[in-house]
């Protein structure tokens, strides 16, 4: 049987090789199929001993929420009518007299123009998965990387790292020494290959942005 290390050396895309691929009838052919673009992988729970979604037992399921364009029609107010504790005791005498004078004919107290606009003008598509994106246990708890920009520090991250205003991130000095991250060689990083923010200063004092970038003649850019 071929080893995992040898299979990764022979495969065109070693990242798709798993330890169970060595038990296949033709491991090299399997690795080539998995490396092809637009191929849908086999769900990862095929080799698990426990049942599918066994870990989700006992977890509290969030209640269903109507989309925003439907809530804008005011349908939630109509659904909540009669569920208030003051409405559970039955109609009062004034309400009974009012219902005899102006009885309701079964119509809905909703603007039908809003209802039409909600479904034909403001309706939005739900978030769908792309081709080959399969569901796995805990997928809803995974951080969505597509909503994050590399190099951008959010206010929550700055607060967690205790970075004062106009101060650089703590890894800027090492980036000036060793260069940008290998995965993002063309990323514009302030203080490394992009200008620093207004109000910031170069230097190695607390809050300083280290050494300014130099050109071929050792002159600041």
C-alpha atoms as a PDB file:
ATOM      1  CA  UNK A   1       0.000   0.000   0.000  1.00  0.00           C
ATOM      2  CA  UNK A   2       1.253   3.474  -0.878  1.00  0.00           C
ATOM      3  CA  UNK A   3       1.966   5.831   2.008  1.00  0.00           C
ATOM      4  CA  UNK A   4       0.335   9.221   2.516  1.00  0.00           C
ATOM      5  CA  UNK A   5       3.639  11.064   2.051  1.00  0.00           C
ATOM      6  CA  UNK A   6       4.339   9.289  -1.235  1.00  0.00           C
ATOM      7  CA  UNK A   7       0.804   9.922  -2.471  1.00  0.00           C
ATOM      8  CA  UNK A   8       1.118  13.634  -1.702  1.00  0.00           C
ATOM      9  CA  UNK A   9       4.385  13.781  -3.617  1.00  0.00           C
ATOM     10  CA  UNK A  10       2.830  12.215  -6.717  1.00  0.00           C
ATOM     11  CA  UNK A  11      -0.503  14.081  -6.571  1.00  0.00           C
ATOM     12  CA  UNK A  12      -0.927  17.310  -8.520  1.00  0.00           C
ATOM     13  CA  UNK A  13      -2.723  18.919  -5.559  1.00  0.00           C
ATOM     14  CA  UNK A  14      -1.418  17.488  -2.268  1.00  0.00           C
ATOM     15  CA  UNK A  15      -3.947  19.489  -0.222  1.00  0.00           C
ATOM     16  CA  UNK A  16      -6.831  17.210  -1.270  1.00  0.00           C
ATOM     17  CA  UNK A  17      -5.099  13.999  -0.184  1.00  0.00           C
ATOM     18  CA  UNK A  18      -6.488  12.391   2.972  1.00  0.00           C
ATOM     19  CA  UNK A  19      -5.179   9.471   4.968  1.00  0.00           C
ATOM     20  CA  UNK A  20      -8.029   7.207   3.814  1.00  0.00           C
ATOM     21  CA  UNK A  21      -7.138   7.762   0.150  1.00  0.00           C
ATOM     22  CA  UNK A  22      -4.316   5.252   0.436  1.00  0.00           C
ATOM     23  CA  UNK A  23      -6.853   2.429   0.865  1.00  0.00           C
ATOM     24  CA  UNK A  24      -8.516   3.115  -2.504  1.00  0.00           C
ATOM     25  CA  UNK A  25      -8.173   0.713  -5.419  1.00  0.00           C
ATOM     26  CA  UNK A  26      -6.271   3.358  -7.407  1.00  0.00           C
ATOM     27  CA  UNK A  27      -5.067   6.114  -5.025  1.00  0.00           C
ATOM     28  CA  UNK A  28      -3.387   8.186  -7.756  1.00  0.00           C
ATOM     29  CA  UNK A  29      -6.521   8.235  -9.902  1.00  0.00           C
ATOM     30  CA  UNK A  30      -8.615   9.196  -6.865  1.00  0.00           C
ATOM     31  CA  UNK A  31      -6.260  12.062  -6.029  1.00  0.00           C
ATOM     32  CA  UNK A  32      -6.437  13.334  -9.608  1.00  0.00           C
ATOM     33  CA  UNK A  33     -10.250  13.258  -9.562  1.00  0.00           C
ATOM     34  CA  UNK A  34     -10.354  15.190  -6.285  1.00  0.00           C
ATOM     35  CA  UNK A  35      -7.943  17.772  -7.703  1.00  0.00           C
ATOM     36  CA  UNK A  36     -10.130  18.556 -10.721  1.00  0.00           C
ATOM     37  CA  UNK A  37     -11.997  21.897 -10.619  1.00  0.00           C
ATOM     38  CA  UNK A  38     -15.751  21.988  -9.898  1.00  0.00           C
ATOM     39  CA  UNK A  39     -15.738  18.529  -8.349  1.00  0.00           C
ATOM     40  CA  UNK A  40     -18.108  17.984  -5.430  1.00  0.00           C
ATOM     41  CA  UNK A  41     -16.376  16.177  -2.550  1.00  0.00           C
ATOM     42  CA  UNK A  42     -17.880  13.254  -0.698  1.00  0.00           C
ATOM     43  CA  UNK A  43     -19.414  14.426   2.620  1.00  0.00           C
ATOM     44  CA  UNK A  44     -16.897  14.109   5.422  1.00  0.00           C
ATOM     45  CA  UNK A  45     -19.267  12.181   7.708  1.00  0.00           C
ATOM     46  CA  UNK A  46     -19.217   9.060   5.513  1.00  0.00           C
ATOM     47  CA  UNK A  47     -16.517   7.451   7.660  1.00  0.00           C
ATOM     48  CA  UNK A  48     -17.794   8.541  11.073  1.00  0.00           C
ATOM     49  CA  UNK A  49     -19.020   5.922  13.507  1.00  0.00           C
ATOM     50  CA  UNK A  50     -21.758   8.034  15.069  1.00  0.00           C
ATOM     51  CA  UNK A  51     -24.917   9.105  13.320  1.00  0.00           C
ATOM     52  CA  UNK A  52     -25.148  12.219  11.202  1.00  0.00           C
ATOM     53  CA  UNK A  53     -25.868  15.429  13.199  1.00  0.00           C
ATOM     54  CA  UNK A  54     -25.556  13.536  16.479  1.00  0.00           C
ATOM     55  CA  UNK A  55     -23.686  16.466  18.032  1.00  0.00           C
ATOM     56  CA  UNK A  56     -26.628  18.823  17.428  1.00  0.00           C
ATOM     57  CA  UNK A  57     -28.842  16.973  19.887  1.00  0.00           C
ATOM     58  CA  UNK A  58     -29.747  19.138  22.842  1.00  0.00           C
ATOM     59  CA  UNK A  59     -28.826  22.408  21.141  1.00  0.00           C
ATOM     60  CA  UNK A  60     -31.437  25.120  21.297  1.00  0.00           C
ATOM     61  CA  UNK A  61     -32.746  25.956  17.853  1.00  0.00           C
ATOM     62  CA  UNK A  62     -33.230  29.619  17.078  1.00  0.00           C
ATOM     63  CA  UNK A  63     -36.827  30.589  16.244  1.00  0.00           C
ATOM     64  CA  UNK A  64     -37.697  31.324  12.649  1.00  0.00           C
ATOM     65  CA  UNK A  65     -37.612  34.984  11.667  1.00  0.00           C
ATOM     66  CA  UNK A  66     -39.478  36.494   8.769  1.00  0.00           C
ATOM     67  CA  UNK A  67     -37.385  38.282   6.135  1.00  0.00           C
ATOM     68  CA  UNK A  68     -37.022  42.023   6.450  1.00  0.00           C
ATOM     69  CA  UNK A  69     -39.149  42.830   3.386  1.00  0.00           C
ATOM     70  CA  UNK A  70     -42.077  40.863   4.866  1.00  0.00           C
ATOM     71  CA  UNK A  71     -41.724  42.416   8.327  1.00  0.00           C
ATOM     72  CA  UNK A  72     -41.918  45.865   6.707  1.00  0.00           C
ATOM     73  CA  UNK A  73     -45.536  45.191   5.694  1.00  0.00           C
ATOM     74  CA  UNK A  74     -46.655  45.162   9.343  1.00  0.00           C
ATOM     75  CA  UNK A  75     -47.821  41.552   9.270  1.00  0.00           C
ATOM     76  CA  UNK A  76     -46.125  40.913  12.607  1.00  0.00           C
ATOM     77  CA  UNK A  77     -48.450  43.414  14.301  1.00  0.00           C
ATOM     78  CA  UNK A  78     -51.470  41.537  12.971  1.00  0.00           C
ATOM     79  CA  UNK A  79     -50.081  38.220  14.179  1.00  0.00           C
ATOM     80  CA  UNK A  80     -49.521  39.598  17.660  1.00  0.00           C
ATOM     81  CA  UNK A  81     -53.106  40.867  17.896  1.00  0.00           C
ATOM     82  CA  UNK A  82     -54.920  38.811  20.472  1.00  0.00           C
ATOM     83  CA  UNK A  83     -51.797  37.407  22.083  1.00  0.00           C
ATOM     84  CA  UNK A  84     -51.361  40.332  24.482  1.00  0.00           C
ATOM     85  CA  UNK A  85     -52.466  39.521  28.068  1.00  0.00           C
ATOM     86  CA  UNK A  86     -54.953  42.394  27.934  1.00  0.00           C
ATOM     87  CA  UNK A  87     -56.627  40.816  24.892  1.00  0.00           C
ATOM     88  CA  UNK A  88     -56.874  37.309  26.343  1.00  0.00           C
ATOM     89  CA  UNK A  89     -59.773  38.131  28.706  1.00  0.00           C
ATOM     90  CA  UNK A  90     -62.203  38.763  25.872  1.00  0.00           C
ATOM     91  CA  UNK A  91     -63.604  41.980  24.416  1.00  0.00           C
ATOM     92  CA  UNK A  92     -64.710  44.723  26.761  1.00  0.00           C
ATOM     93  CA  UNK A  93     -68.163  46.306  26.727  1.00  0.00           C
ATOM     94  CA  UNK A  94     -66.917  49.222  24.642  1.00  0.00           C
ATOM     95  CA  UNK A  95     -65.396  46.847  22.116  1.00  0.00           C
ATOM     96  CA  UNK A  96     -68.612  44.837  21.928  1.00  0.00           C
ATOM     97  CA  UNK A  97     -70.650  48.001  21.314  1.00  0.00           C
ATOM     98  CA  UNK A  98     -68.151  49.182  18.707  1.00  0.00           C
ATOM     99  CA  UNK A  99     -68.292  45.836  16.923  1.00  0.00           C
ATOM    100  CA  UNK A 100     -72.101  46.064  16.740  1.00  0.00           C
ATOM    101  CA  UNK A 101     -71.983  49.574  15.297  1.00  0.00           C
ATOM    102  CA  UNK A 102     -69.074  48.979  12.884  1.00  0.00           C
ATOM    103  CA  UNK A 103     -68.671  45.242  12.376  1.00  0.00           C
ATOM    104  CA  UNK A 104     -65.546  43.961  10.684  1.00  0.00           C
ATOM    105  CA  UNK A 105     -66.208  42.309   7.360  1.00  0.00           C
ATOM    106  CA  UNK A 106     -63.250  39.938   7.530  1.00  0.00           C
ATOM    107  CA  UNK A 107     -60.781  42.281   5.818  1.00  0.00           C
ATOM    108  CA  UNK A 108     -57.164  42.627   6.842  1.00  0.00           C
ATOM    109  CA  UNK A 109     -55.895  45.878   8.303  1.00  0.00           C
ATOM    110  CA  UNK A 110     -52.901  45.920   6.008  1.00  0.00           C
ATOM    111  CA  UNK A 111     -51.909  48.119   3.130  1.00  0.00           C
ATOM    112  CA  UNK A 112     -52.108  45.953   0.030  1.00  0.00           C
ATOM    113  CA  UNK A 113     -49.762  48.291  -1.807  1.00  0.00           C
ATOM    114  CA  UNK A 114     -47.094  47.544   0.809  1.00  0.00           C
ATOM    115  CA  UNK A 115     -47.840  43.853   0.424  1.00  0.00           C
ATOM    116  CA  UNK A 116     -47.445  44.110  -3.346  1.00  0.00           C
ATOM    117  CA  UNK A 117     -44.206  46.085  -3.083  1.00  0.00           C
ATOM    118  CA  UNK A 118     -42.787  43.643  -0.545  1.00  0.00           C
ATOM    119  CA  UNK A 119     -42.998  40.690  -2.928  1.00  0.00           C
ATOM    120  CA  UNK A 120     -42.563  42.386  -6.305  1.00  0.00           C
ATOM    121  CA  UNK A 121     -40.188  45.287  -5.571  1.00  0.00           C
ATOM    122  CA  UNK A 122     -38.269  44.775  -2.332  1.00  0.00           C
ATOM    123  CA  UNK A 123     -38.017  41.000  -2.212  1.00  0.00           C
ATOM    124  CA  UNK A 124     -34.459  39.783  -1.650  1.00  0.00           C
ATOM    125  CA  UNK A 125     -33.004  36.385  -2.370  1.00  0.00           C
ATOM    126  CA  UNK A 126     -31.956  34.282   0.610  1.00  0.00           C
ATOM    127  CA  UNK A 127     -28.315  33.426   1.057  1.00  0.00           C
ATOM    128  CA  UNK A 128     -27.621  30.240  -0.877  1.00  0.00           C
ATOM    129  CA  UNK A 129     -24.617  27.967  -0.981  1.00  0.00           C
ATOM    130  CA  UNK A 130     -22.433  27.779  -4.060  1.00  0.00           C
ATOM    131  CA  UNK A 131     -21.767  24.747  -6.226  1.00  0.00           C
ATOM    132  CA  UNK A 132     -20.048  22.010  -4.260  1.00  0.00           C
ATOM    133  CA  UNK A 133     -20.489  23.747  -0.897  1.00  0.00           C
ATOM    134  CA  UNK A 134     -21.839  20.976   1.322  1.00  0.00           C
ATOM    135  CA  UNK A 135     -23.250  21.287   4.810  1.00  0.00           C
ATOM    136  CA  UNK A 136     -21.328  19.805   7.713  1.00  0.00           C
ATOM    137  CA  UNK A 137     -21.840  19.817  11.448  1.00  0.00           C
ATOM    138  CA  UNK A 138     -21.100  23.204  12.962  1.00  0.00           C
ATOM    139  CA  UNK A 139     -21.010  25.058   9.644  1.00  0.00           C
ATOM    140  CA  UNK A 140     -23.299  27.792  10.984  1.00  0.00           C
ATOM    141  CA  UNK A 141     -20.759  28.516  13.760  1.00  0.00           C
ATOM    142  CA  UNK A 142     -17.775  28.953  11.438  1.00  0.00           C
ATOM    143  CA  UNK A 143     -16.536  32.492  10.883  1.00  0.00           C
ATOM    144  CA  UNK A 144     -17.304  33.688   7.373  1.00  0.00           C
ATOM    145  CA  UNK A 145     -13.961  34.635   5.925  1.00  0.00           C
ATOM    146  CA  UNK A 146     -15.524  36.239   2.846  1.00  0.00           C
ATOM    147  CA  UNK A 147     -16.790  39.069   5.002  1.00  0.00           C
ATOM    148  CA  UNK A 148     -13.272  39.785   6.294  1.00  0.00           C
ATOM    149  CA  UNK A 149     -10.681  41.843   4.458  1.00  0.00           C
ATOM    150  CA  UNK A 150      -7.017  40.889   4.986  1.00  0.00           C
ATOM    151  CA  UNK A 151      -5.063  43.666   6.630  1.00  0.00           C
ATOM    152  CA  UNK A 152      -8.146  45.483   7.945  1.00  0.00           C
ATOM    153  CA  UNK A 153      -8.391  45.711  11.733  1.00  0.00           C
ATOM    154  CA  UNK A 154     -11.892  46.009  13.110  1.00  0.00           C
ATOM    155  CA  UNK A 155     -12.701  48.067  16.184  1.00  0.00           C
ATOM    156  CA  UNK A 156     -13.338  44.888  18.182  1.00  0.00           C
ATOM    157  CA  UNK A 157      -9.892  43.514  17.271  1.00  0.00           C
ATOM    158  CA  UNK A 158      -8.192  46.802  18.137  1.00  0.00           C
ATOM    159  CA  UNK A 159      -9.941  46.805  21.493  1.00  0.00           C
ATOM    160  CA  UNK A 160      -8.962  43.179  22.134  1.00  0.00           C
ATOM    161  CA  UNK A 161      -5.296  43.885  21.281  1.00  0.00           C
ATOM    162  CA  UNK A 162      -5.374  47.168  23.246  1.00  0.00           C
ATOM    163  CA  UNK A 163      -4.105  49.184  20.262  1.00  0.00           C
ATOM    164  CA  UNK A 164      -4.433  52.947  20.920  1.00  0.00           C
ATOM    165  CA  UNK A 165      -5.573  55.339  18.159  1.00  0.00           C
ATOM    166  CA  UNK A 166      -3.024  56.062  15.391  1.00  0.00           C
ATOM    167  CA  UNK A 167      -0.865  53.178  16.654  1.00  0.00           C
ATOM    168  CA  UNK A 168       0.359  50.360  14.384  1.00  0.00           C
ATOM    169  CA  UNK A 169      -0.463  46.683  14.867  1.00  0.00           C
ATOM    170  CA  UNK A 170       2.108  44.802  16.952  1.00  0.00           C
ATOM    171  CA  UNK A 171       3.305  42.719  13.979  1.00  0.00           C
ATOM    172  CA  UNK A 172       4.300  45.688  11.791  1.00  0.00           C
ATOM    173  CA  UNK A 173       7.935  45.726  12.981  1.00  0.00           C
ATOM    174  CA  UNK A 174       8.379  42.066  12.018  1.00  0.00           C
ATOM    175  CA  UNK A 175       6.762  42.737   8.634  1.00  0.00           C
ATOM    176  CA  UNK A 176       9.256  45.548   8.033  1.00  0.00           C
ATOM    177  CA  UNK A 177      12.041  43.116   8.890  1.00  0.00           C
ATOM    178  CA  UNK A 178      10.862  39.989   7.048  1.00  0.00           C
ATOM    179  CA  UNK A 179       8.436  41.346   4.446  1.00  0.00           C
ATOM    180  CA  UNK A 180       4.689  40.924   3.867  1.00  0.00           C
ATOM    181  CA  UNK A 181       2.891  37.615   4.445  1.00  0.00           C
ATOM    182  CA  UNK A 182       3.693  35.046   1.735  1.00  0.00           C
ATOM    183  CA  UNK A 183      -0.005  34.470   1.059  1.00  0.00           C
ATOM    184  CA  UNK A 184      -0.583  38.176   0.328  1.00  0.00           C
ATOM    185  CA  UNK A 185       2.555  39.479  -1.424  1.00  0.00           C
ATOM    186  CA  UNK A 186       0.681  42.374  -3.101  1.00  0.00           C
ATOM    187  CA  UNK A 187      -1.319  43.444  -0.046  1.00  0.00           C
ATOM    188  CA  UNK A 188      -1.094  47.166   0.729  1.00  0.00           C
ATOM    189  CA  UNK A 189      -0.063  47.448   4.382  1.00  0.00           C
ATOM    190  CA  UNK A 190       0.275  50.908   5.982  1.00  0.00           C
ATOM    191  CA  UNK A 191       3.814  51.395   7.225  1.00  0.00           C
ATOM    192  CA  UNK A 192       5.211  48.695   4.950  1.00  0.00           C
ATOM    193  CA  UNK A 193       4.295  49.500   1.341  1.00  0.00           C
ATOM    194  CA  UNK A 194       1.545  52.088   1.873  1.00  0.00           C
ATOM    195  CA  UNK A 195       1.429  55.499   3.599  1.00  0.00           C
ATOM    196  CA  UNK A 196       0.634  55.620   7.289  1.00  0.00           C
ATOM    197  CA  UNK A 197      -2.585  57.256   8.559  1.00  0.00           C
ATOM    198  CA  UNK A 198      -2.778  60.963   9.231  1.00  0.00           C
ATOM    199  CA  UNK A 199      -1.547  61.875  12.690  1.00  0.00           C
ATOM    200  CA  UNK A 200       0.801  58.868  12.946  1.00  0.00           C
ATOM    201  CA  UNK A 201       4.590  59.184  13.242  1.00  0.00           C
ATOM    202  CA  UNK A 202       7.548  57.075  12.230  1.00  0.00           C
ATOM    203  CA  UNK A 203       9.902  55.773  14.895  1.00  0.00           C
ATOM    204  CA  UNK A 204      10.283  53.071  17.505  1.00  0.00           C
ATOM    205  CA  UNK A 205       8.734  54.997  20.380  1.00  0.00           C
ATOM    206  CA  UNK A 206       5.392  53.817  21.825  1.00  0.00           C
ATOM    207  CA  UNK A 207       2.855  54.346  19.070  1.00  0.00           C
ATOM    208  CA  UNK A 208       5.541  54.754  16.385  1.00  0.00           C
ATOM    209  CA  UNK A 209       5.356  53.048  13.009  1.00  0.00           C
ATOM    210  CA  UNK A 210       8.947  51.825  12.909  1.00  0.00           C
ATOM    211  CA  UNK A 211      11.321  52.473  10.018  1.00  0.00           C
ATOM    212  CA  UNK A 212       9.929  54.312   6.978  1.00  0.00           C
ATOM    213  CA  UNK A 213      10.203  52.466   3.643  1.00  0.00           C
ATOM    214  CA  UNK A 214      13.299  53.399   1.657  1.00  0.00           C
ATOM    215  CA  UNK A 215      14.068  53.414  -2.045  1.00  0.00           C
ATOM    216  CA  UNK A 216      17.209  52.123  -3.756  1.00  0.00           C
ATOM    217  CA  UNK A 217      19.166  55.177  -2.549  1.00  0.00           C
ATOM    218  CA  UNK A 218      18.058  54.675   1.082  1.00  0.00           C
ATOM    219  CA  UNK A 219      15.795  57.693   0.900  1.00  0.00           C
ATOM    220  CA  UNK A 220      12.336  57.639   2.509  1.00  0.00           C
ATOM    221  CA  UNK A 221       9.563  57.098   0.022  1.00  0.00           C
END
